[in-house]
Amino acid sequence: MIRLFAIAAGAVAMVVVSPPAAADPQDSTFAIGKCYDPSQPPVERPVSFEYNCDNTGVMQDMTWTAWGPDGATGTGTDRSVECQPNCAQGTTLVNPIVVHAWNPVTSPSPECPQGVQFYADMTIAYPKDAPPWIEPGTTWSPGTDFVTVDGMPAVHYSELTPTCGPR
């Protein structure tokens, strides 16, 4: 089955490096997602954010029950584009989601905001209908695996780097 979806390698991304030894997680701002304009401070507990940086994947109506050095947990809606025959003509799918993010790390990029820890791992689980490309037990690309979380089909993102530049 051909899976053409913009969620692939450019999907929800985080940084995978060790935070500086002197960093105190209690004094940090925590961020989720991939797309950051360095002229704007990252929003903690965002209600909505693009996770592909191109509007083909957006988490919206997010409600966060946890947010901090131990991770983030929230629920909301995923609005993603099935890029068939291409992303411009693909069907938009809207599904409820359960999000877990953890492993906050500091970005090594000088363009990224300082004093911010980005969640380096995240799962997006689908409690009702999952997009057709979500097949637990398969891998989309390095750092993007399809898994099962609490009995729900999910995507696990790891080892990805945020994009920090003008939007």
Protein backbone atom coordinates (compact mmCIF):
# COMPACT_ATOMS: atom_id res chain seq x y z
CA MET A 1 0.00 0.00 0.00
CA ILE A 2 1.38 3.36 -0.91
CA ARG A 3 1.26 5.75 1.98
CA LEU A 4 1.77 9.32 0.88
CA PHE A 5 1.30 11.55 3.82
CA ALA A 6 3.12 14.61 4.95
CA ILE A 7 3.36 13.29 8.49
CA ALA A 8 6.50 11.36 7.52
CA ALA A 9 9.98 12.44 8.47
CA GLY A 10 8.94 16.07 8.76
CA ALA A 11 6.30 15.25 11.31
CA VAL A 12 6.13 16.28 14.90
CA ALA A 13 9.70 16.80 15.80
CA MET A 14 11.77 17.28 18.81
CA VAL A 15 15.46 17.59 19.64
CA VAL A 16 17.50 14.66 20.85
CA VAL A 17 20.51 15.90 22.78
CA SER A 18 21.32 16.04 26.45
CA PRO A 19 20.37 19.22 28.29
CA PRO A 20 23.23 21.18 29.82
CA ALA A 21 24.17 19.88 33.24
CA ALA A 22 23.48 23.30 34.80
CA ALA A 23 19.93 23.53 33.42
CA ASP A 24 17.25 23.31 36.08
CA PRO A 25 14.06 21.83 34.55
CA GLN A 26 11.98 23.76 37.06
CA ASP A 27 13.25 27.04 35.55
CA SER A 28 12.63 25.97 31.93
CA THR A 29 9.91 26.68 29.44
CA PHE A 30 8.66 23.50 27.78
CA ALA A 31 7.66 23.36 24.13
CA ILE A 32 6.00 20.83 21.87
CA GLY A 33 6.06 20.64 18.11
CA LYS A 34 8.52 21.46 15.41
CA CYS A 35 7.92 24.93 14.02
CA TYR A 36 9.31 27.89 15.97
CA ASP A 37 9.76 31.49 14.94
CA PRO A 38 12.70 32.67 17.05
CA SER A 39 11.18 36.15 17.27
CA GLN A 40 8.16 34.71 19.13
CA PRO A 41 8.32 32.89 22.46
CA PRO A 42 7.15 29.25 22.33
CA VAL A 43 3.67 28.79 23.78
CA GLU A 44 3.36 26.35 26.65
CA ARG A 45 0.20 24.23 26.54
CA PRO A 46 -0.75 25.39 23.02
CA VAL A 47 -4.39 25.06 22.03
CA SER A 48 -3.37 24.50 18.42
CA PHE A 49 -0.13 23.97 16.52
CA GLU A 50 1.15 22.70 13.19
CA TYR A 51 3.25 19.61 13.57
CA ASN A 52 4.44 19.41 9.95
CA CYS A 53 5.26 23.11 9.47
CA ASP A 54 3.22 23.09 6.25
CA ASN A 55 -0.39 22.97 7.52
CA THR A 56 -0.85 19.31 6.48
CA GLY A 57 -0.93 18.24 10.12
CA VAL A 58 -2.47 20.35 12.88
CA MET A 59 -3.35 19.48 16.44
CA GLN A 60 -6.22 21.64 17.56
CA ASP A 61 -8.61 22.08 20.47
CA MET A 62 -5.88 20.73 22.75
CA THR A 63 -6.48 20.45 26.49
CA TRP A 64 -3.42 19.61 28.57
CA THR A 65 -3.72 17.76 31.88
CA ALA A 66 0.06 17.63 32.48
CA TRP A 67 2.92 19.88 31.32
CA GLY A 68 6.42 20.08 32.72
CA PRO A 69 9.75 18.31 33.20
CA ASP A 70 8.05 14.92 33.57
CA GLY A 71 6.23 15.31 30.23
CA ALA A 72 2.97 16.49 28.75
CA THR A 73 -0.40 14.77 28.36
CA GLY A 74 -3.34 16.13 26.43
CA THR A 75 -6.35 15.45 24.25
CA GLY A 76 -7.66 17.21 21.20
CA THR A 77 -8.27 16.80 17.50
CA ASP A 78 -5.87 15.91 14.72
CA ARG A 79 -6.56 17.56 11.35
CA SER A 80 -4.29 15.91 8.82
CA VAL A 81 -4.15 15.66 5.07
CA GLU A 82 -3.93 12.32 3.30
CA CYS A 83 -1.59 13.39 0.53
CA GLN A 84 -3.17 11.36 -2.28
CA PRO A 85 -2.95 12.10 -5.15
CA ASN A 86 -0.95 14.97 -3.58
CA CYS A 87 -1.18 17.15 -0.48
CA ALA A 88 -3.01 19.96 -2.27
CA GLN A 89 -5.76 17.61 -3.48
CA GLY A 90 -5.77 15.13 -0.60
CA THR A 91 -8.63 14.50 1.79
CA THR A 92 -8.53 16.20 5.19
CA LEU A 93 -9.11 13.73 8.00
CA VAL A 94 -10.26 14.87 11.45
CA ASN A 95 -9.82 12.48 14.38
CA PRO A 96 -9.78 12.74 18.18
CA ILE A 97 -6.32 12.20 19.67
CA VAL A 98 -4.54 11.51 22.94
CA VAL A 99 -1.04 13.02 23.06
CA HIS A 100 1.86 12.08 25.33
CA ALA A 101 5.21 13.91 25.12
CA TRP A 102 8.31 13.34 27.22
CA ASN A 103 12.09 13.53 27.30
CA PRO A 104 12.54 17.35 27.30
CA VAL A 105 15.91 18.44 25.92
CA THR A 106 17.65 21.68 24.99
CA SER A 107 18.18 22.47 21.31
CA PRO A 108 21.78 22.72 20.10
CA SER A 109 20.68 25.18 17.39
CA PRO A 110 21.55 28.85 18.07
CA GLU A 111 18.39 29.83 16.12
CA CYS A 112 16.12 28.07 18.61
CA PRO A 113 15.01 29.92 21.74
CA GLN A 114 17.36 29.59 24.68
CA GLY A 115 15.99 28.44 28.03
CA VAL A 116 13.45 26.23 26.27
CA GLN A 117 13.29 22.47 26.53
CA PHE A 118 11.62 20.68 23.63
CA TYR A 119 9.89 17.34 24.18
CA ALA A 120 12.05 14.89 22.22
CA ASP A 121 9.53 12.02 22.13
CA MET A 122 5.82 12.10 21.48
CA THR A 123 2.98 9.73 20.70
CA ILE A 124 -0.27 10.67 19.03
CA ALA A 125 -2.84 7.95 19.75
CA TYR A 126 -6.21 7.59 18.01
CA PRO A 127 -9.01 6.38 20.35
CA LYS A 128 -11.60 6.14 17.55
CA ASP A 129 -10.63 6.10 13.88
CA ALA A 130 -6.97 6.26 12.94
CA PRO A 131 -5.81 7.59 9.59
CA PRO A 132 -5.38 4.71 7.12
CA TRP A 133 -1.59 4.97 7.06
CA ILE A 134 -1.30 4.21 10.80
CA GLU A 135 -0.35 0.52 10.92
CA PRO A 136 1.05 -0.50 14.34
CA GLY A 137 4.20 -2.56 14.03
CA THR A 138 5.52 -0.66 11.01
CA THR A 139 7.96 2.19 10.59
CA TRP A 140 7.33 5.20 8.36
CA SER A 141 10.87 6.51 8.45
CA PRO A 142 13.68 6.68 11.02
CA GLY A 143 12.18 8.32 14.09
CA THR A 144 8.56 7.70 13.03
CA ASP A 145 7.10 4.39 14.17
CA PHE A 146 3.53 3.16 14.27
CA VAL A 147 2.78 1.58 17.64
CA THR A 148 -0.07 0.80 20.03
CA VAL A 149 -0.55 2.95 23.14
CA ASP A 150 -3.12 1.87 25.74
CA GLY A 151 -4.78 -0.31 23.07
CA MET A 152 -4.98 2.57 20.55
CA PRO A 153 -3.15 2.80 17.21
CA ALA A 154 -0.55 5.56 17.50
CA VAL A 155 2.44 7.28 15.97
CA HIS A 156 5.63 7.58 18.02
CA TYR A 157 8.02 10.37 17.01
CA SER A 158 11.58 10.41 18.29
CA GLU A 159 14.99 11.81 17.51
CA LEU A 160 13.74 14.74 15.42
CA THR A 161 14.88 18.35 15.54
CA PRO A 162 12.70 21.48 15.72
CA THR A 163 12.81 24.00 12.90
CA CYS A 164 13.62 27.44 14.24
CA GLY A 165 13.38 30.19 11.66
CA PRO A 166 11.11 32.98 10.45
CA ARG A 167 7.66 31.79 9.46
